[in-house]
C-alpha cells in the first residue's frame, strides 16, 4: 500500500480508503447492481482483509444504515491502527434520507456515532450536505457544534462532504479535511482540490469510480494523478474488487 499525508492533520492515509456504505445499507442506492447486506461474521472477515491489505482509513455515516454498528462490533481489536470518519446532518430513516443540521440534532448524532462505533474520539467528522452547502454553513449551528466537540477532544478533525463549488470555498476556512466528488464525469473540482492542497487541507474523494459505472483502472488513474488527493474511497463488499483497485493505485503511484 502507498500512503499520503492528509493535509496538515499529521495523519497518513492509504491512497485507497474503504467507504463502508455497502456493509450497512442496500436501499435507495445508485450502484449498477443490487446486493444483500452481509452479516456480522462476514463483515468481520471482510474488514480484517481490508486492514491486511494496508487500508488504514474507513469512512462511514449515520446515513449508511447499520454501517456504524457493524464497524463498532467488528473493529474493536484494530481501533488503534485505523483512522475512522463519520458524518452529521443526514439520517436514513424508513427508507429515506432525513436532514437536520440543528444544534440538538448534530450533538445527538455525534454521541450516537461514538456509542455505535464504541470509541471515545472520532478521527474525522464531516457535515453530510443535502446540497445546500451555503445555507448549511452560514445559517445552521453545525460548524460551531463540530468545533465545540473538537475543542473537547471528542473529535480530532472536522470538515464537510460538499456538493457545490461554492460550498467547497466556504468550507475551506474551518475545515481540516474536505470530502469531494471527483471523477472522469465530474472534473470541475480540480481547481478547488489544488486550492485545498495549497492550504494544507486534506482531500478525500468520494464517487471516484462514478458509483461503479466507470472503468476502475482509468478512473483510479484519473483521481490519484491529482497531487491534492489524499485518498480515494472505494465502496465494495467484494475482496477481489478491493485488491484489484489497490493494485491499480499502487502501480500508478510507483511508476
Protein backbone atom coordinates (compact mmCIF):
# COMPACT_ATOMS: atom_id res chain seq x y z
CA UNK A 1 0.00 0.00 0.00
CA UNK A 2 1.03 3.60 -0.60
CA UNK A 3 0.20 6.38 1.88
CA UNK A 4 -0.22 10.14 1.53
CA UNK A 5 -0.37 12.99 4.02
CA UNK A 6 -3.87 14.15 4.92
CA UNK A 7 -3.34 17.88 4.77
CA UNK A 8 -1.92 19.32 7.98
CA UNK A 9 -3.61 16.77 10.24
CA UNK A 10 -0.40 14.83 10.78
CA UNK A 11 -2.17 11.68 9.59
CA UNK A 12 -1.02 9.49 6.72
CA UNK A 13 -3.81 7.70 4.89
CA UNK A 14 -3.78 4.82 2.44
CA UNK A 15 -4.37 6.11 -1.09
CA UNK A 16 -7.32 3.72 -1.25
CA UNK A 17 -9.72 4.11 1.65
CA UNK A 18 -12.75 2.00 2.40
CA UNK A 19 -16.21 3.55 2.11
CA UNK A 20 -18.39 1.43 4.40
CA UNK A 21 -21.73 2.05 2.69
CA UNK A 22 -22.33 -1.49 1.45
CA UNK A 23 -21.95 -3.15 4.83
CA UNK A 24 -24.84 -1.10 6.20
CA UNK A 25 -27.33 -0.10 3.54
CA UNK A 26 -28.80 -1.52 0.33
CA UNK A 27 -31.83 0.72 -0.17
CA UNK A 28 -32.07 3.77 -2.47
CA UNK A 29 -28.67 3.02 -3.99
CA UNK A 30 -27.00 4.36 -7.14
CA UNK A 31 -24.83 1.33 -7.84
CA UNK A 32 -25.39 -0.73 -11.02
CA UNK A 33 -26.04 -3.96 -9.06
CA UNK A 34 -28.24 -4.75 -6.08
CA UNK A 35 -26.75 -6.64 -3.15
CA UNK A 36 -27.65 -8.28 0.15
CA UNK A 37 -26.27 -6.87 3.39
CA UNK A 38 -23.56 -9.05 4.97
CA UNK A 39 -23.93 -10.44 8.48
CA UNK A 40 -21.61 -9.54 11.36
CA UNK A 41 -19.30 -12.51 10.81
CA UNK A 42 -18.99 -11.69 7.11
CA UNK A 43 -18.25 -8.06 7.93
CA UNK A 44 -15.64 -9.06 10.50
CA UNK A 45 -13.85 -11.27 7.98
CA UNK A 46 -14.10 -8.63 5.26
CA UNK A 47 -12.79 -5.78 7.43
CA UNK A 48 -9.89 -7.94 8.58
CA UNK A 49 -8.96 -8.34 4.91
CA UNK A 50 -9.34 -4.59 4.39
CA UNK A 51 -6.80 -3.97 7.14
CA UNK A 52 -4.48 -6.76 5.98
CA UNK A 53 -4.39 -5.13 2.54
CA UNK A 54 -2.95 -1.98 4.13
CA UNK A 55 -6.06 0.20 4.17
CA UNK A 56 -5.99 2.35 7.30
CA UNK A 57 -8.88 4.73 6.57
CA UNK A 58 -12.53 3.72 6.86
CA UNK A 59 -15.41 6.11 6.25
CA UNK A 60 -18.98 5.63 7.44
CA UNK A 61 -22.06 7.71 8.28
CA UNK A 62 -25.40 7.51 10.10
CA UNK A 63 -26.99 7.64 6.64
CA UNK A 64 -25.29 4.33 5.76
CA UNK A 65 -27.89 2.29 7.61
CA UNK A 66 -26.28 -0.07 10.14
CA UNK A 67 -22.72 0.62 8.95
CA UNK A 68 -21.57 2.30 12.17
CA UNK A 69 -22.91 -0.57 14.29
CA UNK A 70 -21.19 -3.12 12.07
CA UNK A 71 -17.87 -1.32 12.40
CA UNK A 72 -18.27 -0.96 16.15
CA UNK A 73 -18.88 -4.69 16.54
CA UNK A 74 -16.06 -5.78 14.24
CA UNK A 75 -13.13 -3.42 14.73
CA UNK A 76 -12.60 -3.16 18.47
CA UNK A 77 -9.29 -5.03 18.32
CA UNK A 78 -7.88 -2.92 15.47
CA UNK A 79 -9.11 0.52 16.54
CA UNK A 80 -5.68 1.99 17.28
CA UNK A 81 -4.39 1.14 13.80
CA UNK A 82 -7.22 2.87 11.94
CA UNK A 83 -8.49 6.29 11.00
CA UNK A 84 -12.29 6.40 11.22
CA UNK A 85 -14.57 9.10 9.86
CA UNK A 86 -18.30 9.59 10.06
CA UNK A 87 -20.76 12.38 9.37
CA UNK A 88 -23.56 14.52 10.78
CA UNK A 89 -26.66 16.05 9.25
CA UNK A 90 -28.20 13.10 7.43
CA UNK A 91 -30.03 10.05 8.74
CA UNK A 92 -31.60 7.24 6.70
CA UNK A 93 -34.98 6.51 8.30
CA UNK A 94 -37.72 4.25 6.95
CA UNK A 95 -36.16 4.12 3.52
CA UNK A 96 -35.46 7.81 3.01
CA UNK A 97 -32.89 10.46 3.88
CA UNK A 98 -33.79 12.95 6.60
CA UNK A 99 -31.62 16.04 7.10
CA UNK A 100 -31.26 18.09 10.28
CA UNK A 101 -28.37 20.47 10.95
CA UNK A 102 -29.71 21.94 14.20
CA UNK A 103 -27.55 22.03 17.31
CA UNK A 104 -29.64 19.40 19.10
CA UNK A 105 -29.64 17.00 16.15
CA UNK A 106 -25.91 17.33 15.46
CA UNK A 107 -24.96 16.85 19.11
CA UNK A 108 -27.19 13.77 19.33
CA UNK A 109 -25.72 12.40 16.10
CA UNK A 110 -22.14 12.69 17.38
CA UNK A 111 -22.98 10.99 20.68
CA UNK A 112 -24.80 8.21 18.82
CA UNK A 113 -21.83 7.67 16.49
CA UNK A 114 -19.40 7.48 19.42
CA UNK A 115 -21.63 4.86 21.05
CA UNK A 116 -22.18 2.79 17.89
CA UNK A 117 -18.51 2.87 16.90
CA UNK A 118 -17.54 2.07 20.51
CA UNK A 119 -14.93 4.80 20.70
CA UNK A 120 -14.24 7.89 22.82
CA UNK A 121 -13.00 10.11 19.99
CA UNK A 122 -13.82 10.16 16.27
CA UNK A 123 -10.87 10.92 13.99
CA UNK A 124 -12.84 12.94 11.41
CA UNK A 125 -16.45 14.16 11.31
CA UNK A 126 -17.86 15.65 8.14
CA UNK A 127 -21.02 17.65 7.54
CA UNK A 128 -23.17 15.45 5.30
CA UNK A 129 -24.59 18.05 2.93
CA UNK A 130 -28.04 17.85 1.39
CA UNK A 131 -26.84 20.04 -1.49
CA UNK A 132 -27.47 23.41 0.18
CA UNK A 133 -23.86 23.89 1.26
CA UNK A 134 -24.00 27.65 1.65
CA UNK A 135 -27.16 27.65 3.74
CA UNK A 136 -25.84 24.86 5.98
CA UNK A 137 -22.54 26.64 6.63
CA UNK A 138 -23.94 30.13 7.10
CA UNK A 139 -27.36 29.53 8.66
CA UNK A 140 -27.06 26.44 10.85
CA UNK A 141 -25.24 25.58 14.06
CA UNK A 142 -23.39 22.61 12.61
CA UNK A 143 -19.92 24.16 12.21
CA UNK A 144 -19.99 25.63 15.71
CA UNK A 145 -21.08 22.29 17.19
CA UNK A 146 -18.31 20.39 15.39
CA UNK A 147 -15.69 22.85 16.57
CA UNK A 148 -17.02 22.61 20.12
CA UNK A 149 -16.72 18.82 20.13
CA UNK A 150 -13.24 19.17 18.62
CA UNK A 151 -12.20 21.50 21.44
CA UNK A 152 -13.45 18.90 23.95
CA UNK A 153 -11.31 16.19 22.37
CA UNK A 154 -14.28 14.11 21.18
CA UNK A 155 -13.44 14.81 17.53
CA UNK A 156 -9.90 15.17 16.20
CA UNK A 157 -10.61 16.84 12.85
CA UNK A 158 -13.63 18.34 11.09
CA UNK A 159 -14.72 19.04 7.55
CA UNK A 160 -17.53 18.81 5.04
CA UNK A 161 -18.73 16.41 2.40
CA UNK A 162 -19.55 19.13 -0.11
CA UNK A 163 -21.96 19.12 -3.04
CA UNK A 164 -21.26 22.55 -4.61
CA UNK A 165 -18.24 24.60 -5.71
CA UNK A 166 -19.39 27.47 -3.51
CA UNK A 167 -19.66 25.12 -0.55
CA UNK A 168 -16.08 23.95 -1.02
CA UNK A 169 -14.81 27.53 -0.90
CA UNK A 170 -16.93 28.39 2.17
CA UNK A 171 -15.84 25.23 3.99
CA UNK A 172 -12.10 25.74 3.50
CA UNK A 173 -11.54 28.34 6.27
CA UNK A 174 -12.75 25.97 9.02
CA UNK A 175 -12.10 22.50 7.57
CA UNK A 176 -9.17 20.20 8.27
CA UNK A 177 -10.37 17.77 5.60
CA UNK A 178 -12.82 18.01 2.70
CA UNK A 179 -14.70 15.18 1.03
CA UNK A 180 -15.39 15.92 -2.64
CA UNK A 181 -16.80 14.17 -5.66
CA UNK A 182 -14.19 14.00 -8.40
CA UNK A 183 -14.14 11.64 -11.37
CA UNK A 184 -13.93 11.46 -15.15
CA UNK A 185 -17.53 12.68 -15.44
CA UNK A 186 -17.16 15.39 -12.81
CA UNK A 187 -13.88 17.19 -13.32
CA UNK A 188 -14.89 20.69 -12.23
CA UNK A 189 -13.49 20.35 -8.69
CA UNK A 190 -9.91 20.11 -9.96
CA UNK A 191 -9.18 23.76 -9.14
CA UNK A 192 -10.67 23.54 -5.64
CA UNK A 193 -8.68 20.38 -4.87
CA UNK A 194 -5.49 22.18 -5.81
CA UNK A 195 -6.50 25.15 -3.65
CA UNK A 196 -7.16 22.86 -0.70
CA UNK A 197 -3.79 21.18 -1.21
CA UNK A 198 -2.00 24.52 -1.24
CA UNK A 199 -3.77 25.49 2.01
CA UNK A 200 -2.89 22.27 3.80
CA UNK A 201 -6.42 20.84 3.73
CA UNK A 202 -6.72 17.10 3.21
CA UNK A 203 -8.92 15.93 0.33
CA UNK A 204 -10.85 12.67 0.38
CA UNK A 205 -12.51 11.77 -2.92
CA UNK A 206 -15.93 10.12 -2.98
CA UNK A 207 -17.57 8.56 -6.04
CA UNK A 208 -14.25 8.47 -7.88
CA UNK A 209 -15.48 5.43 -9.78
CA UNK A 210 -18.80 7.10 -10.54
CA UNK A 211 -20.70 4.80 -8.14
CA UNK A 212 -19.39 1.79 -10.03
CA UNK A 213 -20.18 2.98 -13.55
CA UNK A 214 -16.61 3.90 -14.58
CA UNK A 215 -13.78 1.53 -15.55
CA UNK A 216 -11.75 1.15 -12.32
CA UNK A 217 -8.22 1.36 -13.74
CA UNK A 218 -8.90 4.51 -15.78
CA UNK A 219 -10.96 6.15 -13.03
CA UNK A 220 -8.39 5.47 -10.31
CA UNK A 221 -5.58 6.76 -12.50
CA UNK A 222 -7.50 10.00 -13.10
CA UNK A 223 -8.31 10.64 -9.43
CA UNK A 224 -4.97 9.78 -7.87
CA UNK A 225 -2.97 11.63 -10.52
CA UNK A 226 -4.04 14.85 -8.77
CA UNK A 227 -1.41 15.68 -6.14
CA UNK A 228 -4.07 17.21 -3.91
CA UNK A 229 -5.99 13.96 -3.45
CA UNK A 230 -5.03 12.19 -0.24
CA UNK A 231 -7.23 9.13 -0.61
CA UNK A 232 -9.92 7.67 -2.86
CA UNK A 233 -12.81 5.90 -1.15
CA UNK A 234 -13.88 2.58 -2.61
CA UNK A 235 -17.25 1.18 -1.53
CA UNK A 236 -17.42 -2.55 -2.13
CA UNK A 237 -18.19 -5.77 -0.30
CA UNK A 238 -16.05 -7.91 -2.59
CA UNK A 239 -12.44 -8.62 -1.66
CA UNK A 240 -11.37 -9.21 -5.27
CA UNK A 241 -12.60 -5.75 -6.29
CA UNK A 242 -10.70 -4.14 -3.44
CA UNK A 243 -7.48 -5.99 -4.25
CA UNK A 244 -7.74 -5.04 -7.91
CA UNK A 245 -8.31 -1.37 -7.11
CA UNK A 246 -5.36 -1.30 -4.72
CA UNK A 247 -3.12 -2.82 -7.37
CA UNK A 248 -4.20 -0.19 -9.89
CA UNK A 249 -3.49 2.59 -7.39
CA UNK A 250 -0.09 1.32 -6.28
CA UNK A 251 1.05 0.58 -9.83
CA UNK A 252 0.13 4.12 -10.86
CA UNK A 253 1.97 5.81 -7.99
CA UNK A 254 5.05 3.57 -8.26
CA UNK A 255 5.51 4.24 -11.98
